[in-house]
Amino acid sequence: MIDYAFLQSLDFSVAWTYLPVLLAGLLTNILLTGIGFLCGGVFVGTMLAVANLSTSRLVRWPALAFVEFWRSTPLLVQAIWVHFAVPGLTGFSTTPFQSASIALIFNVAAYCSEIVRGGILGVGKGQFEAARALGMHTYATWRTVILPQAIRLMLGPLIGTIISIFKATAILSVLAINDLLRTTSRLSNFTFQPVEIYTTAALLAFVVGAAISLAGYYAESSLKERAAYGR
């Protein structure tokens, strides 16, 4: 049975009082998500995907080893290692936020490289051959023929990855970053109202996740519409 007395005892005014602090923590998670996806998923991930498609073993094998290492180890361990071990080995220290960003970039790059590689491989070889038969240069082939089709194949998995990145940023609070989870934990201990604080934090995270999903839905619809009209 539902304990209605417990529900009536909840006071969410405390969450409203500390909402700016929670939003500041949420902004940190959003910033880390953007850094992880743009730098790791788009930039480094694409380079790794191209390297993994190379016919040269000297290029392909190091890229494959990098991907397997960062995919097969926990993000928590990676973040701690980057923040505490790398400075001891190299003499270069980083702030908690910088360490978290580096670990997240490499972790995301490993996962997104496989999505990018799969998207490129999903475009039939006949597309390359047809473009070559028409006398198209390599750059034009990739820009107008291959990438538009590959992006449509990659978009769905990439949207799911962005949401996963956003949720994974909570793990990085172990480095004492003032993100949503750490802020929520501190407010919960300060106010002694964990249900209200954590519920509000969950709702804020849900709003961000839903916004990412909605943006992905409109992006997919736009790409399908453009493909239908041959643009």
C-alpha atoms as a PDB file:
ATOM      1  CA  MET A   1       0.000   0.000   0.000  1.00  0.00           C
ATOM      2  CA  ILE A   2       1.071   3.554  -0.672  1.00  0.00           C
ATOM      3  CA  ASP A   3       1.967   5.548   2.422  1.00  0.00           C
ATOM      4  CA  TYR A   4       0.150   8.799   1.706  1.00  0.00           C
ATOM      5  CA  ALA A   5       1.384  10.282   4.973  1.00  0.00           C
ATOM      6  CA  PHE A   6       4.940   9.987   3.653  1.00  0.00           C
ATOM      7  CA  LEU A   7       3.970  11.685   0.389  1.00  0.00           C
ATOM      8  CA  GLN A   8       2.308  14.518   2.277  1.00  0.00           C
ATOM      9  CA  SER A   9       5.438  14.993   4.393  1.00  0.00           C
ATOM     10  CA  LEU A  10       7.568  15.745   1.336  1.00  0.00           C
ATOM     11  CA  ASP A  11       8.441  19.403   0.951  1.00  0.00           C
ATOM     12  CA  PHE A  12       9.756  20.248  -2.507  1.00  0.00           C
ATOM     13  CA  SER A  13      10.137  23.915  -1.648  1.00  0.00           C
ATOM     14  CA  VAL A  14      13.683  23.086  -0.608  1.00  0.00           C
ATOM     15  CA  ALA A  15      14.394  21.952  -4.157  1.00  0.00           C
ATOM     16  CA  TRP A  16      13.058  25.250  -5.472  1.00  0.00           C
ATOM     17  CA  THR A  17      15.274  27.136  -3.020  1.00  0.00           C
ATOM     18  CA  TYR A  18      18.397  25.381  -4.234  1.00  0.00           C
ATOM     19  CA  LEU A  19      17.353  25.082  -7.880  1.00  0.00           C
ATOM     20  CA  PRO A  20      20.025  27.542  -9.132  1.00  0.00           C
ATOM     21  CA  VAL A  21      22.721  25.412  -7.499  1.00  0.00           C
ATOM     22  CA  LEU A  22      21.309  22.256  -9.071  1.00  0.00           C
ATOM     23  CA  LEU A  23      21.139  23.944 -12.468  1.00  0.00           C
ATOM     24  CA  ALA A  24      24.775  25.005 -12.127  1.00  0.00           C
ATOM     25  CA  GLY A  25      25.710  21.385 -11.490  1.00  0.00           C
ATOM     26  CA  LEU A  26      23.581  20.280 -14.435  1.00  0.00           C
ATOM     27  CA  LEU A  27      25.357  22.790 -16.663  1.00  0.00           C
ATOM     28  CA  THR A  28      28.660  21.100 -15.801  1.00  0.00           C
ATOM     29  CA  ASN A  29      27.252  17.757 -16.974  1.00  0.00           C
ATOM     30  CA  ILE A  30      25.986  19.331 -20.193  1.00  0.00           C
ATOM     31  CA  LEU A  31      29.362  20.963 -20.811  1.00  0.00           C
ATOM     32  CA  LEU A  32      31.192  17.664 -20.269  1.00  0.00           C
ATOM     33  CA  THR A  33      28.729  15.941 -22.593  1.00  0.00           C
ATOM     34  CA  GLY A  34      29.385  18.491 -25.318  1.00  0.00           C
ATOM     35  CA  ILE A  35      33.152  18.208 -24.910  1.00  0.00           C
ATOM     36  CA  GLY A  36      33.022  14.417 -24.893  1.00  0.00           C
ATOM     37  CA  PHE A  37      30.855  14.161 -27.991  1.00  0.00           C
ATOM     38  CA  LEU A  38      32.331  16.929 -30.142  1.00  0.00           C
ATOM     39  CA  CYS A  39      35.993  16.349 -29.327  1.00  0.00           C
ATOM     40  CA  GLY A  40      35.836  12.623 -28.694  1.00  0.00           C
ATOM     41  CA  GLY A  41      32.943  11.361 -30.780  1.00  0.00           C
ATOM     42  CA  VAL A  42      33.178  13.635 -33.811  1.00  0.00           C
ATOM     43  CA  PHE A  43      36.870  14.556 -34.050  1.00  0.00           C
ATOM     44  CA  VAL A  44      38.951  11.779 -32.460  1.00  0.00           C
ATOM     45  CA  GLY A  45      36.323   9.115 -33.165  1.00  0.00           C
ATOM     46  CA  THR A  46      36.280   9.917 -36.880  1.00  0.00           C
ATOM     47  CA  MET A  47      40.074   9.799 -37.084  1.00  0.00           C
ATOM     48  CA  LEU A  48      40.089   6.423 -35.335  1.00  0.00           C
ATOM     49  CA  ALA A  49      37.400   5.121 -37.684  1.00  0.00           C
ATOM     50  CA  VAL A  50      39.423   6.175 -40.729  1.00  0.00           C
ATOM     51  CA  ALA A  51      42.542   4.592 -39.211  1.00  0.00           C
ATOM     52  CA  ASN A  52      40.659   1.341 -38.558  1.00  0.00           C
ATOM     53  CA  LEU A  53      39.585   1.287 -42.208  1.00  0.00           C
ATOM     54  CA  SER A  54      43.153   1.744 -43.404  1.00  0.00           C
ATOM     55  CA  THR A  55      44.792  -1.069 -45.341  1.00  0.00           C
ATOM     56  CA  SER A  56      48.079  -0.391 -43.531  1.00  0.00           C
ATOM     57  CA  ARG A  57      48.659  -2.543 -40.450  1.00  0.00           C
ATOM     58  CA  LEU A  58      50.937   0.117 -38.983  1.00  0.00           C
ATOM     59  CA  VAL A  59      47.951   2.475 -38.944  1.00  0.00           C
ATOM     60  CA  ARG A  60      45.129   0.020 -38.267  1.00  0.00           C
ATOM     61  CA  TRP A  61      46.582  -2.003 -35.392  1.00  0.00           C
ATOM     62  CA  PRO A  62      47.480   0.926 -33.056  1.00  0.00           C
ATOM     63  CA  ALA A  63      44.030   2.413 -33.657  1.00  0.00           C
ATOM     64  CA  LEU A  64      42.400  -0.944 -32.934  1.00  0.00           C
ATOM     65  CA  ALA A  65      44.441  -1.356 -29.733  1.00  0.00           C
ATOM     66  CA  PHE A  66      43.430   2.138 -28.598  1.00  0.00           C
ATOM     67  CA  VAL A  67      39.745   1.439 -29.214  1.00  0.00           C
ATOM     68  CA  GLU A  68      39.798  -1.917 -27.448  1.00  0.00           C
ATOM     69  CA  PHE A  69      41.634  -0.535 -24.412  1.00  0.00           C
ATOM     70  CA  TRP A  70      39.302   2.421 -23.851  1.00  0.00           C
ATOM     71  CA  ARG A  71      36.164   0.370 -24.547  1.00  0.00           C
ATOM     72  CA  SER A  72      37.186  -2.497 -22.267  1.00  0.00           C
ATOM     73  CA  THR A  73      38.065  -0.509 -19.141  1.00  0.00           C
ATOM     74  CA  PRO A  74      35.634   1.390 -16.871  1.00  0.00           C
ATOM     75  CA  LEU A  75      35.344   5.149 -17.250  1.00  0.00           C
ATOM     76  CA  LEU A  76      35.738   5.508 -13.473  1.00  0.00           C
ATOM     77  CA  VAL A  77      39.143   3.818 -13.546  1.00  0.00           C
ATOM     78  CA  GLN A  78      40.172   5.806 -16.614  1.00  0.00           C
ATOM     79  CA  ALA A  79      39.309   9.115 -14.945  1.00  0.00           C
ATOM     80  CA  ILE A  80      41.198   8.250 -11.756  1.00  0.00           C
ATOM     81  CA  TRP A  81      44.196   7.033 -13.749  1.00  0.00           C
ATOM     82  CA  VAL A  82      44.304  10.183 -15.888  1.00  0.00           C
ATOM     83  CA  HIS A  83      44.037  12.456 -12.854  1.00  0.00           C
ATOM     84  CA  PHE A  84      46.403  10.697 -10.461  1.00  0.00           C
ATOM     85  CA  ALA A  85      48.710   8.421 -12.483  1.00  0.00           C
ATOM     86  CA  VAL A  86      49.466  10.532 -15.558  1.00  0.00           C
ATOM     87  CA  PRO A  87      50.841  13.506 -13.528  1.00  0.00           C
ATOM     88  CA  GLY A  88      53.131  11.112 -11.669  1.00  0.00           C
ATOM     89  CA  LEU A  89      54.408   9.631 -14.929  1.00  0.00           C
ATOM     90  CA  THR A  90      54.711  12.817 -16.965  1.00  0.00           C
ATOM     91  CA  GLY A  91      55.027  15.610 -14.428  1.00  0.00           C
ATOM     92  CA  PHE A  92      52.090  17.469 -15.979  1.00  0.00           C
ATOM     93  CA  SER A  93      49.147  17.942 -13.643  1.00  0.00           C
ATOM     94  CA  THR A  94      45.582  18.727 -14.664  1.00  0.00           C
ATOM     95  CA  THR A  95      42.546  20.078 -12.880  1.00  0.00           C
ATOM     96  CA  PRO A  96      39.729  17.663 -12.022  1.00  0.00           C
ATOM     97  CA  PHE A  97      37.634  19.069 -14.866  1.00  0.00           C
ATOM     98  CA  GLN A  98      40.479  18.700 -17.362  1.00  0.00           C
ATOM     99  CA  SER A  99      41.176  15.134 -16.242  1.00  0.00           C
ATOM    100  CA  ALA A 100      37.500  14.262 -16.529  1.00  0.00           C
ATOM    101  CA  SER A 101      37.350  15.788 -20.009  1.00  0.00           C
ATOM    102  CA  ILE A 102      40.415  13.874 -21.225  1.00  0.00           C
ATOM    103  CA  ALA A 103      39.136  10.540 -19.919  1.00  0.00           C
ATOM    104  CA  LEU A 104      35.682  11.187 -21.371  1.00  0.00           C
ATOM    105  CA  ILE A 105      37.053  12.229 -24.769  1.00  0.00           C
ATOM    106  CA  PHE A 106      39.113   9.058 -25.163  1.00  0.00           C
ATOM    107  CA  ASN A 107      36.327   6.834 -23.846  1.00  0.00           C
ATOM    108  CA  VAL A 108      33.708   8.345 -26.151  1.00  0.00           C
ATOM    109  CA  ALA A 109      36.107   8.304 -29.110  1.00  0.00           C
ATOM    110  CA  ALA A 110      36.544   4.550 -28.748  1.00  0.00           C
ATOM    111  CA  TYR A 111      32.790   3.910 -28.858  1.00  0.00           C
ATOM    112  CA  CYS A 112      31.931   6.459 -31.543  1.00  0.00           C
ATOM    113  CA  SER A 113      34.734   5.274 -33.820  1.00  0.00           C
ATOM    114  CA  GLU A 114      32.917   1.975 -34.220  1.00  0.00           C
ATOM    115  CA  ILE A 115      29.654   3.774 -34.987  1.00  0.00           C
ATOM    116  CA  VAL A 116      31.365   5.922 -37.620  1.00  0.00           C
ATOM    117  CA  ARG A 117      33.176   2.922 -39.083  1.00  0.00           C
ATOM    118  CA  GLY A 118      29.934   0.951 -39.228  1.00  0.00           C
ATOM    119  CA  GLY A 119      28.163   3.857 -40.916  1.00  0.00           C
ATOM    120  CA  ILE A 120      30.831   4.131 -43.601  1.00  0.00           C
ATOM    121  CA  LEU A 121      30.871   0.372 -44.176  1.00  0.00           C
ATOM    122  CA  GLY A 122      27.071   0.461 -44.387  1.00  0.00           C
ATOM    123  CA  VAL A 123      27.318   2.445 -47.617  1.00  0.00           C
ATOM    124  CA  GLY A 124      27.622  -0.072 -50.425  1.00  0.00           C
ATOM    125  CA  LYS A 125      30.818  -0.281 -52.450  1.00  0.00           C
ATOM    126  CA  GLY A 126      28.677   0.331 -55.517  1.00  0.00           C
ATOM    127  CA  GLN A 127      28.317   3.953 -54.410  1.00  0.00           C
ATOM    128  CA  PHE A 128      32.087   4.443 -54.576  1.00  0.00           C
ATOM    129  CA  GLU A 129      32.257   2.714 -57.944  1.00  0.00           C
ATOM    130  CA  ALA A 130      29.372   4.757 -59.361  1.00  0.00           C
ATOM    131  CA  ALA A 131      30.974   8.020 -58.225  1.00  0.00           C
ATOM    132  CA  ARG A 132      34.291   6.960 -59.731  1.00  0.00           C
ATOM    133  CA  ALA A 133      32.549   6.061 -62.995  1.00  0.00           C
ATOM    134  CA  LEU A 134      31.059   9.551 -63.116  1.00  0.00           C
ATOM    135  CA  GLY A 135      34.539  11.034 -62.774  1.00  0.00           C
ATOM    136  CA  MET A 136      33.966  12.490 -59.292  1.00  0.00           C
ATOM    137  CA  HIS A 137      37.014  13.376 -57.232  1.00  0.00           C
ATOM    138  CA  THR A 138      37.589  11.733 -53.838  1.00  0.00           C
ATOM    139  CA  TYR A 139      36.547  14.824 -51.867  1.00  0.00           C
ATOM    140  CA  ALA A 140      33.360  15.276 -53.875  1.00  0.00           C
ATOM    141  CA  THR A 141      32.570  11.576 -53.557  1.00  0.00           C
ATOM    142  CA  TRP A 142      32.790  11.673 -49.779  1.00  0.00           C
ATOM    143  CA  ARG A 143      30.993  15.017 -49.403  1.00  0.00           C
ATOM    144  CA  THR A 144      28.052  14.434 -51.731  1.00  0.00           C
ATOM    145  CA  VAL A 145      27.671  10.656 -51.924  1.00  0.00           C
ATOM    146  CA  ILE A 146      29.197   8.727 -49.026  1.00  0.00           C
ATOM    147  CA  LEU A 147      28.869  10.971 -45.984  1.00  0.00           C
ATOM    148  CA  PRO A 148      25.174  11.920 -46.443  1.00  0.00           C
ATOM    149  CA  GLN A 149      24.259   8.224 -46.532  1.00  0.00           C
ATOM    150  CA  ALA A 150      26.639   7.279 -43.727  1.00  0.00           C
ATOM    151  CA  ILE A 151      25.347  10.061 -41.465  1.00  0.00           C
ATOM    152  CA  ARG A 152      21.800   8.776 -41.832  1.00  0.00           C
ATOM    153  CA  LEU A 153      23.006   5.355 -40.679  1.00  0.00           C
ATOM    154  CA  MET A 154      25.029   6.802 -37.806  1.00  0.00           C
ATOM    155  CA  LEU A 155      22.573   9.363 -36.468  1.00  0.00           C
ATOM    156  CA  GLY A 156      20.371   7.006 -34.432  1.00  0.00           C
ATOM    157  CA  PRO A 157      23.252   5.276 -32.608  1.00  0.00           C
ATOM    158  CA  LEU A 158      25.006   8.622 -32.069  1.00  0.00           C
ATOM    159  CA  ILE A 159      21.930  10.126 -30.402  1.00  0.00           C
ATOM    160  CA  GLY A 160      21.800   7.147 -28.059  1.00  0.00           C
ATOM    161  CA  THR A 161      25.507   7.622 -27.382  1.00  0.00           C
ATOM    162  CA  ILE A 162      25.024  11.291 -26.475  1.00  0.00           C
ATOM    163  CA  ILE A 163      22.434  10.304 -23.871  1.00  0.00           C
ATOM    164  CA  SER A 164      24.810   7.630 -22.557  1.00  0.00           C
ATOM    165  CA  ILE A 165      27.590  10.227 -22.356  1.00  0.00           C
ATOM    166  CA  PHE A 166      25.341  12.562 -20.386  1.00  0.00           C
ATOM    167  CA  LYS A 167      24.533   9.827 -17.877  1.00  0.00           C
ATOM    168  CA  ALA A 168      28.165   8.723 -17.705  1.00  0.00           C
ATOM    169  CA  THR A 169      29.296  12.211 -16.684  1.00  0.00           C
ATOM    170  CA  ALA A 170      27.808  11.506 -13.260  1.00  0.00           C
ATOM    171  CA  ILE A 171      30.613   8.986 -12.701  1.00  0.00           C
ATOM    172  CA  LEU A 172      33.160  11.783 -13.040  1.00  0.00           C
ATOM    173  CA  SER A 173      31.931  13.358  -9.807  1.00  0.00           C
ATOM    174  CA  VAL A 174      34.494  11.061  -8.169  1.00  0.00           C
ATOM    175  CA  LEU A 175      37.084  13.695  -9.149  1.00  0.00           C
ATOM    176  CA  ALA A 176      35.276  16.260  -6.964  1.00  0.00           C
ATOM    177  CA  ILE A 177      33.714  18.055  -9.913  1.00  0.00           C
ATOM    178  CA  ASN A 178      30.713  20.121  -8.932  1.00  0.00           C
ATOM    179  CA  ASP A 179      28.355  18.368 -11.307  1.00  0.00           C
ATOM    180  CA  LEU A 180      24.706  17.532 -10.715  1.00  0.00           C
ATOM    181  CA  LEU A 181      25.368  14.323  -8.753  1.00  0.00           C
ATOM    182  CA  ARG A 182      27.956  15.825  -6.416  1.00  0.00           C
ATOM    183  CA  THR A 183      25.840  18.948  -5.895  1.00  0.00           C
ATOM    184  CA  THR A 184      22.796  16.803  -5.170  1.00  0.00           C
ATOM    185  CA  SER A 185      24.709  14.696  -2.669  1.00  0.00           C
ATOM    186  CA  ARG A 186      25.998  17.752  -0.814  1.00  0.00           C
ATOM    187  CA  LEU A 187      22.568  19.392  -0.733  1.00  0.00           C
ATOM    188  CA  SER A 188      20.998  16.162   0.463  1.00  0.00           C
ATOM    189  CA  ASN A 189      23.427  15.960   3.373  1.00  0.00           C
ATOM    190  CA  PHE A 190      22.927  19.636   4.158  1.00  0.00           C
ATOM    191  CA  THR A 191      19.126  19.711   4.054  1.00  0.00           C
ATOM    192  CA  PHE A 192      18.404  16.153   5.272  1.00  0.00           C
ATOM    193  CA  GLN A 193      15.788  15.933   2.526  1.00  0.00           C
ATOM    194  CA  PRO A 194      17.285  13.418   0.077  1.00  0.00           C
ATOM    195  CA  VAL A 195      14.021  12.386  -1.570  1.00  0.00           C
ATOM    196  CA  GLU A 196      13.106  15.899  -2.646  1.00  0.00           C
ATOM    197  CA  ILE A 197      16.629  16.809  -3.760  1.00  0.00           C
ATOM    198  CA  TYR A 198      17.352  13.599  -5.669  1.00  0.00           C
ATOM    199  CA  THR A 199      13.904  13.577  -7.261  1.00  0.00           C
ATOM    200  CA  THR A 200      14.450  17.093  -8.553  1.00  0.00           C
ATOM    201  CA  ALA A 201      17.874  16.115  -9.880  1.00  0.00           C
ATOM    202  CA  ALA A 202      16.349  13.119 -11.660  1.00  0.00           C
ATOM    203  CA  LEU A 203      13.692  15.326 -13.264  1.00  0.00           C
ATOM    204  CA  LEU A 204      16.327  17.787 -14.468  1.00  0.00           C
ATOM    205  CA  ALA A 205      18.350  14.954 -15.983  1.00  0.00           C
ATOM    206  CA  PHE A 206      15.205  13.586 -17.622  1.00  0.00           C
ATOM    207  CA  VAL A 207      14.475  16.950 -19.238  1.00  0.00           C
ATOM    208  CA  VAL A 208      17.965  17.073 -20.751  1.00  0.00           C
ATOM    209  CA  GLY A 209      17.742  13.466 -21.973  1.00  0.00           C
ATOM    210  CA  ALA A 210      14.320  14.076 -23.485  1.00  0.00           C
ATOM    211  CA  ALA A 211      15.592  17.226 -25.214  1.00  0.00           C
ATOM    212  CA  ILE A 212      18.480  15.255 -26.761  1.00  0.00           C
ATOM    213  CA  SER A 213      16.099  12.547 -27.952  1.00  0.00           C
ATOM    214  CA  LEU A 214      13.709  15.124 -29.417  1.00  0.00           C
ATOM    215  CA  ALA A 215      16.546  16.905 -31.222  1.00  0.00           C
ATOM    216  CA  GLY A 216      17.692  13.571 -32.621  1.00  0.00           C
ATOM    217  CA  TYR A 217      14.185  12.756 -33.803  1.00  0.00           C
ATOM    218  CA  TYR A 218      13.895  16.044 -35.694  1.00  0.00           C
ATOM    219  CA  ALA A 219      17.386  15.599 -37.168  1.00  0.00           C
ATOM    220  CA  GLU A 220      16.504  12.110 -38.429  1.00  0.00           C
ATOM    221  CA  SER A 221      13.214  13.357 -39.860  1.00  0.00           C
ATOM    222  CA  SER A 222      15.000  16.218 -41.612  1.00  0.00           C
ATOM    223  CA  LEU A 223      17.586  13.886 -43.150  1.00  0.00           C
ATOM    224  CA  LYS A 224      14.903  11.479 -44.335  1.00  0.00           C
ATOM    225  CA  GLU A 225      12.938  14.354 -45.868  1.00  0.00           C
ATOM    226  CA  ARG A 226      16.010  15.663 -47.658  1.00  0.00           C
ATOM    227  CA  ALA A 227      16.815  12.176 -48.923  1.00  0.00           C
ATOM    228  CA  ALA A 228      13.248  11.762 -50.218  1.00  0.00           C
ATOM    229  CA  TYR A 229      13.572  14.959 -52.244  1.00  0.00           C
ATOM    230  CA  GLY A 230      17.059  14.071 -53.416  1.00  0.00           C
ATOM    231  CA  ARG A 231      18.778  16.974 -51.708  1.00  0.00           C
END
